[in-house]
Amino acid sequence: METQTGGADLETLARVLGRVRSNIERVIEGKPDVVSSALTVLIAEGHLLIEDVPGVGKTMLSKALARSIDSTVRRIQFTPDLLPSDVTGVSVFNQNTREFEFRPGGVFANIVVGDEINRASPKTQSALLECMEERQVTVDNATYFLEQPFMVIATQNPIEMEGTYALPEAQRDRFMARVSVGYPVEAAEIAMLNTHTGLNPLDDLEPVTDAAEIRKLIGIVNQVHVSHAVQRYAVAITSATRRTEELSLGASPRATLHLVRAAKAVAAMDGRDYVLPDDVLRLTRPVLAHRLLPSVEAAMSGRSTTAILDAVVAGVPVPAADGSR
């Protein structure tokens, strides 16, 4: 039997996320939608991919989120010479004990900041596959479990930039959402000159919550109700991406799962204990677009993946049910 989400739980969630949001916005100004997306992925137990040109604050955003939570944080700088063992860990022979000892890699933390993930080779990028999906790492036939919450916040430059590798499809599919920071508005950029040209604003950022509290928020989100009509709507959208001739790779079942989990997080952040079709609809771009591949014909005609996705979603009937109990 499903446990109902209480009003007090949703108030707790709003209060905690409000503190985290205010903390992040001390560093990242004028980007409320991007901050909301990051918080949505955090409480939906997903991983976030931040893609944009250099210098717009991708790493600053990921660091600000990590520092706002009193938990273990590791940063991995992805470079062409980075090895898979640097990410997952390695077994080292101890001369004194005459036994192999496991030395954990960069993924052993609550929040892992992967900076410029697409500058490492696909082999190294693939080292993240197991830990992102199964929350565990297997090295030399031994399995090591990762603590909850576990979130990878990865930044990458657009594929057109020099020195980048395309993320493998399996890797992209493990990111719940992809967001772009974008250039700031003029007022925010002027404000940035006043706050960022002296001390680094990250230096003054103190944690406003901890890992235990985030685990409670994740539990609250898990209790949000999703009606059968909304479930069918989410499946209809992802199924439609697999049938269109404009896409050579549609959304996976994992994408459907991520879409619904993110919708539950959005509903909880809006103070509701049930998901509306609109919650699913507004998440289609950030949750689905980065997983899709256009067909050769669509790419040659200049059709973007986002435009194809929007057309596909527009053709799926929205359920009349309001999603409430």
C-alpha atoms as a PDB file:
ATOM      1  CA  MET A   1       0.000   0.000   0.000  1.00  0.00           C
ATOM      2  CA  GLU A   2       1.385   3.391  -0.999  1.00  0.00           C
ATOM      3  CA  THR A   3       2.168   5.822   1.811  1.00  0.00           C
ATOM      4  CA  GLN A   4       0.716   9.271   1.356  1.00  0.00           C
ATOM      5  CA  THR A   5       2.914  12.330   1.365  1.00  0.00           C
ATOM      6  CA  GLY A   6       1.845  14.656   4.170  1.00  0.00           C
ATOM      7  CA  GLY A   7       1.606  18.427   4.020  1.00  0.00           C
ATOM      8  CA  ALA A   8       4.273  18.684   6.724  1.00  0.00           C
ATOM      9  CA  ASP A   9       6.635  16.601   4.569  1.00  0.00           C
ATOM     10  CA  LEU A  10       6.145  18.893   1.581  1.00  0.00           C
ATOM     11  CA  GLU A  11       6.709  21.952   3.811  1.00  0.00           C
ATOM     12  CA  THR A  12       9.958  20.402   5.036  1.00  0.00           C
ATOM     13  CA  LEU A  13      11.039  19.758   1.452  1.00  0.00           C
ATOM     14  CA  ALA A  14      10.228  23.340   0.418  1.00  0.00           C
ATOM     15  CA  ARG A  15      12.087  24.779   3.423  1.00  0.00           C
ATOM     16  CA  VAL A  16      15.267  22.717   2.915  1.00  0.00           C
ATOM     17  CA  LEU A  17      15.392  23.255  -0.859  1.00  0.00           C
ATOM     18  CA  GLY A  18      14.703  26.954  -0.322  1.00  0.00           C
ATOM     19  CA  ARG A  19      17.851  27.203   1.787  1.00  0.00           C
ATOM     20  CA  VAL A  20      19.910  25.308  -0.795  1.00  0.00           C
ATOM     21  CA  ARG A  21      18.507  27.432  -3.633  1.00  0.00           C
ATOM     22  CA  SER A  22      19.336  30.699  -1.839  1.00  0.00           C
ATOM     23  CA  ASN A  23      22.839  29.455  -1.148  1.00  0.00           C
ATOM     24  CA  ILE A  24      23.499  28.530  -4.789  1.00  0.00           C
ATOM     25  CA  GLU A  25      22.042  31.814  -6.052  1.00  0.00           C
ATOM     26  CA  ARG A  26      24.616  33.711  -4.009  1.00  0.00           C
ATOM     27  CA  VAL A  27      27.105  32.384  -6.572  1.00  0.00           C
ATOM     28  CA  ILE A  28      25.001  31.769  -9.709  1.00  0.00           C
ATOM     29  CA  GLU A  29      22.884  34.871 -10.309  1.00  0.00           C
ATOM     30  CA  GLY A  30      19.937  35.216 -12.673  1.00  0.00           C
ATOM     31  CA  LYS A  31      19.589  31.506 -13.487  1.00  0.00           C
ATOM     32  CA  PRO A  32      16.632  30.262 -11.379  1.00  0.00           C
ATOM     33  CA  ASP A  33      15.527  27.644 -13.950  1.00  0.00           C
ATOM     34  CA  VAL A  34      18.968  26.035 -14.068  1.00  0.00           C
ATOM     35  CA  VAL A  35      19.158  25.929 -10.258  1.00  0.00           C
ATOM     36  CA  SER A  36      15.659  24.382 -10.114  1.00  0.00           C
ATOM     37  CA  SER A  37      16.714  21.698 -12.601  1.00  0.00           C
ATOM     38  CA  ALA A  38      19.753  20.836 -10.470  1.00  0.00           C
ATOM     39  CA  LEU A  39      17.621  20.535  -7.317  1.00  0.00           C
ATOM     40  CA  THR A  40      15.026  18.428  -9.166  1.00  0.00           C
ATOM     41  CA  VAL A  41      17.687  15.927 -10.247  1.00  0.00           C
ATOM     42  CA  LEU A  42      19.183  15.858  -6.727  1.00  0.00           C
ATOM     43  CA  ILE A  43      15.955  14.810  -4.969  1.00  0.00           C
ATOM     44  CA  ALA A  44      14.931  12.494  -7.838  1.00  0.00           C
ATOM     45  CA  GLU A  45      18.123  10.442  -7.304  1.00  0.00           C
ATOM     46  CA  GLY A  46      19.442  11.273 -10.752  1.00  0.00           C
ATOM     47  CA  HIS A  47      22.630  12.584 -12.319  1.00  0.00           C
ATOM     48  CA  LEU A  48      22.981  15.966 -14.001  1.00  0.00           C
ATOM     49  CA  LEU A  49      24.810  16.868 -17.219  1.00  0.00           C
ATOM     50  CA  ILE A  50      25.560  20.574 -17.657  1.00  0.00           C
ATOM     51  CA  GLU A  51      26.502  21.379 -21.255  1.00  0.00           C
ATOM     52  CA  ASP A  52      27.541  24.792 -22.509  1.00  0.00           C
ATOM     53  CA  VAL A  53      30.405  26.838 -23.906  1.00  0.00           C
ATOM     54  CA  PRO A  54      33.416  27.597 -21.667  1.00  0.00           C
ATOM     55  CA  GLY A  55      33.178  30.330 -19.059  1.00  0.00           C
ATOM     56  CA  VAL A  56      29.440  30.495 -18.304  1.00  0.00           C
ATOM     57  CA  GLY A  57      29.604  28.978 -14.807  1.00  0.00           C
ATOM     58  CA  LYS A  58      29.096  25.224 -15.307  1.00  0.00           C
ATOM     59  CA  THR A  59      31.729  24.217 -12.759  1.00  0.00           C
ATOM     60  CA  MET A  60      30.704  27.061 -10.432  1.00  0.00           C
ATOM     61  CA  LEU A  61      27.118  25.762 -10.385  1.00  0.00           C
ATOM     62  CA  SER A  62      28.155  22.178  -9.668  1.00  0.00           C
ATOM     63  CA  LYS A  63      30.565  23.271  -6.904  1.00  0.00           C
ATOM     64  CA  ALA A  64      27.955  25.578  -5.334  1.00  0.00           C
ATOM     65  CA  LEU A  65      25.439  22.713  -5.136  1.00  0.00           C
ATOM     66  CA  ALA A  66      28.060  20.366  -3.708  1.00  0.00           C
ATOM     67  CA  ARG A  67      29.179  22.875  -1.062  1.00  0.00           C
ATOM     68  CA  SER A  68      25.601  23.612  -0.009  1.00  0.00           C
ATOM     69  CA  ILE A  69      25.236  20.043   1.288  1.00  0.00           C
ATOM     70  CA  ASP A  70      27.359  18.883   4.222  1.00  0.00           C
ATOM     71  CA  SER A  71      28.437  15.608   2.636  1.00  0.00           C
ATOM     72  CA  THR A  72      31.461  14.031   0.984  1.00  0.00           C
ATOM     73  CA  VAL A  73      32.419  15.708  -2.292  1.00  0.00           C
ATOM     74  CA  ARG A  74      35.049  14.649  -4.822  1.00  0.00           C
ATOM     75  CA  ARG A  75      36.062  16.410  -8.006  1.00  0.00           C
ATOM     76  CA  ILE A  76      37.417  14.562 -11.036  1.00  0.00           C
ATOM     77  CA  GLN A  77      39.075  16.621 -13.745  1.00  0.00           C
ATOM     78  CA  PHE A  78      38.545  14.641 -16.942  1.00  0.00           C
ATOM     79  CA  THR A  79      41.584  14.847 -19.218  1.00  0.00           C
ATOM     80  CA  PRO A  80      42.744  12.731 -22.193  1.00  0.00           C
ATOM     81  CA  ASP A  81      45.269  10.869 -19.984  1.00  0.00           C
ATOM     82  CA  LEU A  82      42.798  10.061 -17.169  1.00  0.00           C
ATOM     83  CA  LEU A  83      42.575   6.304 -16.540  1.00  0.00           C
ATOM     84  CA  PRO A  84      39.473   4.275 -15.557  1.00  0.00           C
ATOM     85  CA  SER A  85      41.238   3.287 -12.310  1.00  0.00           C
ATOM     86  CA  ASP A  86      41.527   7.000 -11.402  1.00  0.00           C
ATOM     87  CA  VAL A  87      37.724   7.092 -11.439  1.00  0.00           C
ATOM     88  CA  THR A  88      36.763   3.777  -9.831  1.00  0.00           C
ATOM     89  CA  GLY A  89      39.809   2.918  -7.724  1.00  0.00           C
ATOM     90  CA  VAL A  90      42.562   0.327  -7.865  1.00  0.00           C
ATOM     91  CA  SER A  91      43.887  -2.633  -5.870  1.00  0.00           C
ATOM     92  CA  VAL A  92      47.433  -2.034  -4.619  1.00  0.00           C
ATOM     93  CA  PHE A  93      49.736  -4.687  -3.143  1.00  0.00           C
ATOM     94  CA  ASN A  94      50.773  -3.901   0.433  1.00  0.00           C
ATOM     95  CA  GLN A  95      54.322  -5.135   1.105  1.00  0.00           C
ATOM     96  CA  ASN A  96      53.768  -5.257   4.881  1.00  0.00           C
ATOM     97  CA  THR A  97      50.551  -7.292   4.973  1.00  0.00           C
ATOM     98  CA  ARG A  98      51.370  -9.182   1.757  1.00  0.00           C
ATOM     99  CA  GLU A  99      47.808  -8.555   0.593  1.00  0.00           C
ATOM    100  CA  PHE A 100      46.073  -6.374  -1.968  1.00  0.00           C
ATOM    101  CA  GLU A 101      44.330  -3.284  -0.615  1.00  0.00           C
ATOM    102  CA  PHE A 102      41.631  -1.345  -2.412  1.00  0.00           C
ATOM    103  CA  ARG A 103      42.242   2.381  -2.821  1.00  0.00           C
ATOM    104  CA  PRO A 104      38.968   4.143  -3.685  1.00  0.00           C
ATOM    105  CA  GLY A 105      38.825   6.373  -6.751  1.00  0.00           C
ATOM    106  CA  GLY A 106      37.084   9.683  -7.304  1.00  0.00           C
ATOM    107  CA  VAL A 107      33.544   8.283  -7.415  1.00  0.00           C
ATOM    108  CA  PHE A 108      33.522   7.369  -3.721  1.00  0.00           C
ATOM    109  CA  ALA A 109      31.608  10.412  -2.477  1.00  0.00           C
ATOM    110  CA  ASN A 110      28.022  11.608  -2.063  1.00  0.00           C
ATOM    111  CA  ILE A 111      28.462  14.210  -4.788  1.00  0.00           C
ATOM    112  CA  VAL A 112      30.955  13.704  -7.608  1.00  0.00           C
ATOM    113  CA  VAL A 113      31.791  16.713  -9.756  1.00  0.00           C
ATOM    114  CA  GLY A 114      33.054  15.497 -13.137  1.00  0.00           C
ATOM    115  CA  ASP A 115      34.580  18.520 -14.821  1.00  0.00           C
ATOM    116  CA  GLU A 116      34.696  18.541 -18.646  1.00  0.00           C
ATOM    117  CA  ILE A 117      33.697  14.890 -18.832  1.00  0.00           C
ATOM    118  CA  ASN A 118      33.914  14.766 -22.641  1.00  0.00           C
ATOM    119  CA  ARG A 119      37.642  15.567 -22.678  1.00  0.00           C
ATOM    120  CA  ALA A 120      38.470  12.059 -21.455  1.00  0.00           C
ATOM    121  CA  SER A 121      38.525   9.020 -23.726  1.00  0.00           C
ATOM    122  CA  PRO A 122      35.331   6.945 -24.102  1.00  0.00           C
ATOM    123  CA  LYS A 123      37.110   4.129 -22.219  1.00  0.00           C
ATOM    124  CA  THR A 124      37.509   6.346 -19.143  1.00  0.00           C
ATOM    125  CA  GLN A 125      34.006   7.814 -19.476  1.00  0.00           C
ATOM    126  CA  SER A 126      32.664   4.259 -19.460  1.00  0.00           C
ATOM    127  CA  ALA A 127      34.174   3.712 -16.001  1.00  0.00           C
ATOM    128  CA  LEU A 128      31.199   5.681 -14.675  1.00  0.00           C
ATOM    129  CA  LEU A 129      28.556   3.372 -16.160  1.00  0.00           C
ATOM    130  CA  GLU A 130      28.240   0.896 -13.291  1.00  0.00           C
ATOM    131  CA  CYS A 131      28.395   3.422 -10.464  1.00  0.00           C
ATOM    132  CA  MET A 132      25.838   5.770 -12.057  1.00  0.00           C
ATOM    133  CA  GLU A 133      23.261   3.043 -12.640  1.00  0.00           C
ATOM    134  CA  GLU A 134      23.844   0.571  -9.800  1.00  0.00           C
ATOM    135  CA  ARG A 135      25.469   2.771  -7.122  1.00  0.00           C
ATOM    136  CA  GLN A 136      28.370   0.336  -6.837  1.00  0.00           C
ATOM    137  CA  VAL A 137      31.874  -0.252  -8.178  1.00  0.00           C
ATOM    138  CA  THR A 138      33.387  -3.622  -9.100  1.00  0.00           C
ATOM    139  CA  VAL A 139      37.184  -3.900  -9.105  1.00  0.00           C
ATOM    140  CA  ASP A 140      39.046  -7.231  -9.300  1.00  0.00           C
ATOM    141  CA  ASN A 141      35.819  -9.210  -8.719  1.00  0.00           C
ATOM    142  CA  ALA A 142      35.085  -7.315  -5.495  1.00  0.00           C
ATOM    143  CA  THR A 143      32.021  -5.048  -5.291  1.00  0.00           C
ATOM    144  CA  TYR A 144      32.043  -1.835  -3.260  1.00  0.00           C
ATOM    145  CA  PHE A 145      28.777  -0.001  -2.586  1.00  0.00           C
ATOM    146  CA  LEU A 146      28.447   3.777  -2.752  1.00  0.00           C
ATOM    147  CA  GLU A 147      26.776   5.788  -0.001  1.00  0.00           C
ATOM    148  CA  GLN A 148      23.405   7.470  -0.529  1.00  0.00           C
ATOM    149  CA  PRO A 149      22.776  10.061  -1.730  1.00  0.00           C
ATOM    150  CA  PHE A 150      25.019   9.607  -4.749  1.00  0.00           C
ATOM    151  CA  MET A 151      24.917  12.157  -7.539  1.00  0.00           C
ATOM    152  CA  VAL A 152      27.237  12.808 -10.470  1.00  0.00           C
ATOM    153  CA  ILE A 153      27.216  16.400 -11.695  1.00  0.00           C
ATOM    154  CA  ALA A 154      29.160  16.444 -14.944  1.00  0.00           C
ATOM    155  CA  THR A 155      30.049  19.431 -17.102  1.00  0.00           C
ATOM    156  CA  GLN A 156      30.914  19.271 -20.771  1.00  0.00           C
ATOM    157  CA  ASN A 157      31.609  21.600 -23.657  1.00  0.00           C
ATOM    158  CA  PRO A 158      29.624  21.274 -26.909  1.00  0.00           C
ATOM    159  CA  ILE A 159      30.993  18.571 -29.197  1.00  0.00           C
ATOM    160  CA  GLU A 160      32.075  21.207 -31.728  1.00  0.00           C
ATOM    161  CA  MET A 161      34.721  22.452 -29.262  1.00  0.00           C
ATOM    162  CA  GLU A 162      38.309  21.366 -29.846  1.00  0.00           C
ATOM    163  CA  GLY A 163      39.619  18.391 -27.902  1.00  0.00           C
ATOM    164  CA  THR A 164      36.267  16.823 -27.029  1.00  0.00           C
ATOM    165  CA  TYR A 165      34.973  13.269 -27.442  1.00  0.00           C
ATOM    166  CA  ALA A 166      31.290  12.478 -27.883  1.00  0.00           C
ATOM    167  CA  LEU A 167      29.776  10.811 -24.820  1.00  0.00           C
ATOM    168  CA  PRO A 168      28.778   7.190 -25.548  1.00  0.00           C
ATOM    169  CA  GLU A 169      25.020   6.620 -25.840  1.00  0.00           C
ATOM    170  CA  ALA A 170      25.041   4.389 -22.749  1.00  0.00           C
ATOM    171  CA  GLN A 171      26.701   7.181 -20.772  1.00  0.00           C
ATOM    172  CA  ARG A 172      24.247   9.870 -21.909  1.00  0.00           C
ATOM    173  CA  ASP A 173      21.313   7.628 -21.046  1.00  0.00           C
ATOM    174  CA  ARG A 174      22.421   7.475 -17.415  1.00  0.00           C
ATOM    175  CA  PHE A 175      22.102  11.235 -16.944  1.00  0.00           C
ATOM    176  CA  MET A 176      18.601  12.078 -15.805  1.00  0.00           C
ATOM    177  CA  ALA A 177      18.701  15.574 -17.295  1.00  0.00           C
ATOM    178  CA  ARG A 178      20.873  17.841 -19.406  1.00  0.00           C
ATOM    179  CA  VAL A 179      20.740  21.592 -18.876  1.00  0.00           C
ATOM    180  CA  SER A 180      22.512  24.594 -20.380  1.00  0.00           C
ATOM    181  CA  VAL A 181      23.547  27.519 -18.208  1.00  0.00           C
ATOM    182  CA  GLY A 182      23.526  30.082 -21.006  1.00  0.00           C
ATOM    183  CA  TYR A 183      24.933  33.600 -20.958  1.00  0.00           C
ATOM    184  CA  PRO A 184      23.776  35.833 -18.080  1.00  0.00           C
ATOM    185  CA  VAL A 185      21.556  38.863 -18.613  1.00  0.00           C
ATOM    186  CA  GLU A 186      23.390  42.185 -18.560  1.00  0.00           C
ATOM    187  CA  ALA A 187      22.372  43.107 -15.002  1.00  0.00           C
ATOM    188  CA  ALA A 188      23.532  39.734 -13.645  1.00  0.00           C
ATOM    189  CA  GLU A 189      26.843  40.023 -15.490  1.00  0.00           C
ATOM    190  CA  ILE A 190      27.452  43.487 -14.023  1.00  0.00           C
ATOM    191  CA  ALA A 191      26.594  42.162 -10.541  1.00  0.00           C
ATOM    192  CA  MET A 192      29.050  39.330 -11.144  1.00  0.00           C
ATOM    193  CA  LEU A 193      31.837  41.850 -11.785  1.00  0.00           C
ATOM    194  CA  ASN A 194      31.246  43.299  -8.334  1.00  0.00           C
ATOM    195  CA  THR A 195      31.123  39.982  -6.481  1.00  0.00           C
ATOM    196  CA  HIS A 196      33.578  37.785  -8.412  1.00  0.00           C
ATOM    197  CA  THR A 197      36.511  40.098  -9.126  1.00  0.00           C
ATOM    198  CA  GLY A 198      37.611  40.236  -5.482  1.00  0.00           C
ATOM    199  CA  LEU A 199      37.291  37.058  -3.449  1.00  0.00           C
ATOM    200  CA  ASN A 200      35.905  33.822  -4.833  1.00  0.00           C
ATOM    201  CA  PRO A 201      32.253  33.698  -3.629  1.00  0.00           C
ATOM    202  CA  LEU A 202      32.551  29.911  -3.253  1.00  0.00           C
ATOM    203  CA  ASP A 203      35.006  30.465  -0.388  1.00  0.00           C
ATOM    204  CA  ASP A 204      32.236  31.932   1.803  1.00  0.00           C
ATOM    205  CA  LEU A 205      29.651  29.272   0.936  1.00  0.00           C
ATOM    206  CA  GLU A 206      28.667  27.210   3.994  1.00  0.00           C
ATOM    207  CA  PRO A 207      26.575  23.999   3.973  1.00  0.00           C
ATOM    208  CA  VAL A 208      22.874  24.597   4.665  1.00  0.00           C
ATOM    209  CA  THR A 209      21.786  20.927   4.834  1.00  0.00           C
ATOM    210  CA  ASP A 210      23.386  17.485   5.060  1.00  0.00           C
ATOM    211  CA  ALA A 211      23.263  14.075   3.400  1.00  0.00           C
ATOM    212  CA  ALA A 212      20.799  12.656   5.969  1.00  0.00           C
ATOM    213  CA  GLU A 213      18.313  15.446   5.274  1.00  0.00           C
ATOM    214  CA  ILE A 214      18.655  14.935   1.507  1.00  0.00           C
ATOM    215  CA  ARG A 215      17.899  11.230   2.026  1.00  0.00           C
ATOM    216  CA  LYS A 216      14.670  12.267   3.809  1.00  0.00           C
ATOM    217  CA  LEU A 217      13.717  14.511   0.881  1.00  0.00           C
ATOM    218  CA  ILE A 218      14.313  11.634  -1.542  1.00  0.00           C
ATOM    219  CA  GLY A 219      11.964   9.511   0.595  1.00  0.00           C
ATOM    220  CA  ILE A 220       9.293  12.237   0.414  1.00  0.00           C
ATOM    221  CA  VAL A 221       9.579  12.390  -3.386  1.00  0.00           C
ATOM    222  CA  ASN A 222       9.259   8.603  -3.641  1.00  0.00           C
ATOM    223  CA  GLN A 223       5.829   8.811  -1.971  1.00  0.00           C
ATOM    224  CA  VAL A 224       4.381  11.259  -4.544  1.00  0.00           C
ATOM    225  CA  HIS A 225       1.436   9.652  -6.364  1.00  0.00           C
ATOM    226  CA  VAL A 226       1.485   9.039 -10.128  1.00  0.00           C
ATOM    227  CA  SER A 227      -1.900   8.128 -11.624  1.00  0.00           C
ATOM    228  CA  HIS A 228      -2.250   5.453 -14.310  1.00  0.00           C
ATOM    229  CA  ALA A 229      -3.233   8.144 -16.827  1.00  0.00           C
ATOM    230  CA  VAL A 230       0.008  10.068 -16.203  1.00  0.00           C
ATOM    231  CA  GLN A 231       2.049   6.858 -16.361  1.00  0.00           C
ATOM    232  CA  ARG A 232       0.485   5.996 -19.717  1.00  0.00           C
ATOM    233  CA  TYR A 233       1.202   9.548 -20.926  1.00  0.00           C
ATOM    234  CA  ALA A 234       4.903   9.234 -20.070  1.00  0.00           C
ATOM    235  CA  VAL A 235       5.126   5.853 -21.810  1.00  0.00           C
ATOM    236  CA  ALA A 236       3.248   7.215 -24.854  1.00  0.00           C
ATOM    237  CA  ILE A 237       5.795  10.039 -25.225  1.00  0.00           C
ATOM    238  CA  THR A 238       8.867   7.801 -25.051  1.00  0.00           C
ATOM    239  CA  SER A 239       7.234   5.184 -27.292  1.00  0.00           C
ATOM    240  CA  ALA A 240       6.506   7.866 -29.895  1.00  0.00           C
ATOM    241  CA  THR A 241      10.218   8.763 -30.055  1.00  0.00           C
ATOM    242  CA  ARG A 242      10.993   5.143 -30.969  1.00  0.00           C
ATOM    243  CA  ARG A 243       8.493   5.101 -33.841  1.00  0.00           C
ATOM    244  CA  THR A 244       9.338   8.349 -35.624  1.00  0.00           C
ATOM    245  CA  GLU A 245      11.497   8.034 -38.737  1.00  0.00           C
ATOM    246  CA  GLU A 246      13.312  11.264 -37.862  1.00  0.00           C
ATOM    247  CA  LEU A 247      15.141   9.570 -34.979  1.00  0.00           C
ATOM    248  CA  SER A 248      17.549   6.674 -35.355  1.00  0.00           C
ATOM    249  CA  LEU A 249      17.630   6.193 -31.564  1.00  0.00           C
ATOM    250  CA  GLY A 250      14.555   6.845 -29.432  1.00  0.00           C
ATOM    251  CA  ALA A 251      14.144   7.109 -25.669  1.00  0.00           C
ATOM    252  CA  SER A 252      14.905   4.004 -23.592  1.00  0.00           C
ATOM    253  CA  PRO A 253      12.761   2.501 -20.815  1.00  0.00           C
ATOM    254  CA  ARG A 254      15.282   4.053 -18.425  1.00  0.00           C
ATOM    255  CA  ALA A 255      14.357   7.426 -19.930  1.00  0.00           C
ATOM    256  CA  THR A 256      10.684   6.772 -19.103  1.00  0.00           C
ATOM    257  CA  LEU A 257      11.647   5.949 -15.529  1.00  0.00           C
ATOM    258  CA  HIS A 258      13.745   9.109 -15.249  1.00  0.00           C
ATOM    259  CA  LEU A 259      10.922  11.195 -16.723  1.00  0.00           C
ATOM    260  CA  VAL A 260       8.435   9.989 -14.100  1.00  0.00           C
ATOM    261  CA  ARG A 261      10.901  10.275 -11.212  1.00  0.00           C
ATOM    262  CA  ALA A 262      11.782  13.824 -12.210  1.00  0.00           C
ATOM    263  CA  ALA A 263       8.055  14.646 -12.538  1.00  0.00           C
ATOM    264  CA  LYS A 264       7.499  13.392  -8.968  1.00  0.00           C
ATOM    265  CA  ALA A 265      10.295  15.693  -7.763  1.00  0.00           C
ATOM    266  CA  VAL A 266       8.829  18.679  -9.633  1.00  0.00           C
ATOM    267  CA  ALA A 267       5.377  17.979  -8.161  1.00  0.00           C
ATOM    268  CA  ALA A 268       6.807  17.824  -4.631  1.00  0.00           C
ATOM    269  CA  MET A 269       8.717  21.080  -5.187  1.00  0.00           C
ATOM    270  CA  ASP A 270       5.425  22.666  -6.295  1.00  0.00           C
ATOM    271  CA  GLY A 271       3.786  21.531  -3.049  1.00  0.00           C
ATOM    272  CA  ARG A 272       1.714  18.693  -4.547  1.00  0.00           C
ATOM    273  CA  ASP A 273       1.576  15.030  -3.559  1.00  0.00           C
ATOM    274  CA  TYR A 274       0.512  13.962  -7.060  1.00  0.00           C
ATOM    275  CA  VAL A 275       1.937  14.389 -10.580  1.00  0.00           C
ATOM    276  CA  LEU A 276       0.146  16.331 -13.318  1.00  0.00           C
ATOM    277  CA  PRO A 277       0.562  15.673 -17.061  1.00  0.00           C
ATOM    278  CA  ASP A 278       2.066  19.188 -17.266  1.00  0.00           C
ATOM    279  CA  ASP A 279       4.901  18.067 -14.960  1.00  0.00           C
ATOM    280  CA  VAL A 280       5.812  15.365 -17.465  1.00  0.00           C
ATOM    281  CA  LEU A 281       5.394  17.708 -20.424  1.00  0.00           C
ATOM    282  CA  ARG A 282       7.734  20.410 -19.112  1.00  0.00           C
ATOM    283  CA  LEU A 283      10.466  17.846 -18.422  1.00  0.00           C
ATOM    284  CA  THR A 284      10.541  16.240 -21.873  1.00  0.00           C
ATOM    285  CA  ARG A 285      13.324  18.476 -23.200  1.00  0.00           C
ATOM    286  CA  PRO A 286      15.812  18.275 -20.297  1.00  0.00           C
ATOM    287  CA  VAL A 287      15.160  14.557 -19.648  1.00  0.00           C
ATOM    288  CA  LEU A 288      14.837  13.155 -23.174  1.00  0.00           C
ATOM    289  CA  ALA A 289      16.618  15.384 -25.728  1.00  0.00           C
ATOM    290  CA  HIS A 290      20.223  14.371 -24.911  1.00  0.00           C
ATOM    291  CA  ARG A 291      19.402  10.641 -25.313  1.00  0.00           C
ATOM    292  CA  LEU A 292      18.024  10.881 -28.861  1.00  0.00           C
ATOM    293  CA  LEU A 293      19.905  10.575 -32.146  1.00  0.00           C
ATOM    294  CA  PRO A 294      18.478  12.142 -35.339  1.00  0.00           C
ATOM    295  CA  SER A 295      18.327  10.048 -38.478  1.00  0.00           C
ATOM    296  CA  VAL A 296      20.769  10.794 -41.301  1.00  0.00           C
ATOM    297  CA  GLU A 297      17.992  12.446 -43.327  1.00  0.00           C
ATOM    298  CA  ALA A 298      16.888  14.646 -40.431  1.00  0.00           C
ATOM    299  CA  ALA A 299      20.472  15.693 -39.665  1.00  0.00           C
ATOM    300  CA  MET A 300      21.145  16.544 -43.325  1.00  0.00           C
ATOM    301  CA  SER A 301      18.001  18.660 -43.494  1.00  0.00           C
ATOM    302  CA  GLY A 302      19.153  20.645 -40.447  1.00  0.00           C
ATOM    303  CA  ARG A 303      16.455  19.427 -38.048  1.00  0.00           C
ATOM    304  CA  SER A 304      17.638  19.662 -34.453  1.00  0.00           C
ATOM    305  CA  THR A 305      16.935  16.888 -31.964  1.00  0.00           C
ATOM    306  CA  THR A 306      14.975  19.331 -29.813  1.00  0.00           C
ATOM    307  CA  ALA A 307      12.733  20.347 -32.733  1.00  0.00           C
ATOM    308  CA  ILE A 308      12.057  16.687 -33.583  1.00  0.00           C
ATOM    309  CA  LEU A 309      11.259  15.917 -29.933  1.00  0.00           C
ATOM    310  CA  ASP A 310       8.886  18.892 -29.661  1.00  0.00           C
ATOM    311  CA  ALA A 311       7.021  17.696 -32.784  1.00  0.00           C
ATOM    312  CA  VAL A 312       6.776  14.150 -31.436  1.00  0.00           C
ATOM    313  CA  VAL A 313       5.501  15.316 -28.028  1.00  0.00           C
ATOM    314  CA  ALA A 314       2.954  17.630 -29.668  1.00  0.00           C
ATOM    315  CA  GLY A 315       1.441  14.609 -31.406  1.00  0.00           C
ATOM    316  CA  VAL A 316       0.820  12.707 -28.159  1.00  0.00           C
ATOM    317  CA  PRO A 317      -2.654  13.356 -26.658  1.00  0.00           C
ATOM    318  CA  VAL A 318      -2.512  14.871 -23.165  1.00  0.00           C
ATOM    319  CA  PRO A 319      -4.685  12.894 -20.691  1.00  0.00           C
ATOM    320  CA  ALA A 320      -7.747  14.643 -19.317  1.00  0.00           C
ATOM    321  CA  ALA A 321      -7.127  13.267 -15.826  1.00  0.00           C
ATOM    322  CA  ASP A 322      -5.613  15.805 -13.436  1.00  0.00           C
ATOM    323  CA  GLY A 323      -3.322  13.191 -11.861  1.00  0.00           C
ATOM    324  CA  SER A 324      -4.762  13.658  -8.352  1.00  0.00           C
ATOM    325  CA  ARG A 325      -5.979  10.797  -6.173  1.00  0.00           C
END
